[in-house]
Amino acid sequence: MSMAAVGLVAGMALGFAGYFGGFWAFLLVAVLGAVGFVAGRVLDGDLEPGEIFRSGGGRR
């Protein structure tokens, strides 16, 4: 599935949630979508779990 199709599906899901459920449903779908995206990247091996929580500051 192309990234354009994934974006289309995600946008439609957010649109339906916002229209039928209101702002809080929209926000919940957006947050859960972001969590699912990060989990998918970790499971694919594209992202290490330590990279998510590591601060951007320099090393000591």
C-alpha atoms as a PDB file:
ATOM      1  CA  MET A   1       0.000   0.000   0.000  1.00  0.00           C
ATOM      2  CA  SER A   2       1.442   3.371  -0.979  1.00  0.00           C
ATOM      3  CA  MET A   3       1.968   6.169   1.518  1.00  0.00           C
ATOM      4  CA  ALA A   4      -0.612   8.263  -0.362  1.00  0.00           C
ATOM      5  CA  ALA A   5      -3.241   5.578   0.202  1.00  0.00           C
ATOM      6  CA  VAL A   6      -2.308   5.283   3.870  1.00  0.00           C
ATOM      7  CA  GLY A   7      -2.599   9.060   4.238  1.00  0.00           C
ATOM      8  CA  LEU A   8      -5.965   9.016   2.500  1.00  0.00           C
ATOM      9  CA  VAL A   9      -7.315   6.331   4.836  1.00  0.00           C
ATOM     10  CA  ALA A  10      -5.955   8.109   7.913  1.00  0.00           C
ATOM     11  CA  GLY A  11      -7.464  11.414   6.790  1.00  0.00           C
ATOM     12  CA  MET A  12     -10.827   9.822   6.161  1.00  0.00           C
ATOM     13  CA  ALA A  13     -10.798   8.142   9.578  1.00  0.00           C
ATOM     14  CA  LEU A  14      -9.990  11.458  11.259  1.00  0.00           C
ATOM     15  CA  GLY A  15     -12.686  13.195   9.231  1.00  0.00           C
ATOM     16  CA  PHE A  16     -15.340  10.655  10.197  1.00  0.00           C
ATOM     17  CA  ALA A  17     -14.285  10.786  13.844  1.00  0.00           C
ATOM     18  CA  GLY A  18     -14.455  14.579  13.865  1.00  0.00           C
ATOM     19  CA  TYR A  19     -17.796  14.720  12.078  1.00  0.00           C
ATOM     20  CA  PHE A  20     -19.621  12.005  13.998  1.00  0.00           C
ATOM     21  CA  GLY A  21     -17.853  12.094  17.359  1.00  0.00           C
ATOM     22  CA  GLY A  22     -16.766  15.678  17.790  1.00  0.00           C
ATOM     23  CA  PHE A  23     -13.427  17.114  18.794  1.00  0.00           C
ATOM     24  CA  TRP A  24     -12.562  14.569  21.504  1.00  0.00           C
ATOM     25  CA  ALA A  25     -13.167  11.625  19.185  1.00  0.00           C
ATOM     26  CA  PHE A  26     -10.996  13.331  16.564  1.00  0.00           C
ATOM     27  CA  LEU A  27      -8.255  13.845  19.137  1.00  0.00           C
ATOM     28  CA  LEU A  28      -8.471  10.244  20.372  1.00  0.00           C
ATOM     29  CA  VAL A  29      -8.211   8.859  16.832  1.00  0.00           C
ATOM     30  CA  ALA A  30      -5.249  11.134  16.080  1.00  0.00           C
ATOM     31  CA  VAL A  31      -3.372  10.100  19.245  1.00  0.00           C
ATOM     32  CA  LEU A  32      -4.058   6.388  18.763  1.00  0.00           C
ATOM     33  CA  GLY A  33      -2.998   6.693  15.128  1.00  0.00           C
ATOM     34  CA  ALA A  34       0.302   8.262  16.166  1.00  0.00           C
ATOM     35  CA  VAL A  35       0.881   5.507  18.736  1.00  0.00           C
ATOM     36  CA  GLY A  36       0.131   2.871  16.103  1.00  0.00           C
ATOM     37  CA  PHE A  37       2.479   4.548  13.639  1.00  0.00           C
ATOM     38  CA  VAL A  38       5.356   4.561  16.124  1.00  0.00           C
ATOM     39  CA  ALA A  39       4.651   0.941  17.133  1.00  0.00           C
ATOM     40  CA  GLY A  40       4.672  -0.078  13.479  1.00  0.00           C
ATOM     41  CA  ARG A  41       7.992   1.669  12.863  1.00  0.00           C
ATOM     42  CA  VAL A  42       9.505  -0.079  15.901  1.00  0.00           C
ATOM     43  CA  LEU A  43       8.208  -3.491  14.792  1.00  0.00           C
ATOM     44  CA  ASP A  44       9.523  -2.928  11.246  1.00  0.00           C
ATOM     45  CA  GLY A  45      12.948  -2.135  12.667  1.00  0.00           C
ATOM     46  CA  ASP A  46      13.018   1.410  11.281  1.00  0.00           C
ATOM     47  CA  LEU A  47      13.053   2.979  14.740  1.00  0.00           C
ATOM     48  CA  GLU A  48      14.728   1.925  17.965  1.00  0.00           C
ATOM     49  CA  PRO A  49      12.673   2.258  21.173  1.00  0.00           C
ATOM     50  CA  GLY A  50      15.487   4.269  22.800  1.00  0.00           C
ATOM     51  CA  GLU A  51      15.317   6.879  20.036  1.00  0.00           C
ATOM     52  CA  ILE A  52      11.770   7.786  21.011  1.00  0.00           C
ATOM     53  CA  PHE A  53      12.608   8.770  24.583  1.00  0.00           C
ATOM     54  CA  ARG A  54      16.138  10.081  24.115  1.00  0.00           C
ATOM     55  CA  SER A  55      16.500  13.823  24.490  1.00  0.00           C
ATOM     56  CA  GLY A  56      18.007  15.917  21.731  1.00  0.00           C
ATOM     57  CA  GLY A  57      20.790  17.239  23.978  1.00  0.00           C
ATOM     58  CA  GLY A  58      24.452  16.367  23.737  1.00  0.00           C
ATOM     59  CA  ARG A  59      26.128  13.418  25.408  1.00  0.00           C
ATOM     60  CA  ARG A  60      28.054  13.723  28.661  1.00  0.00           C
END
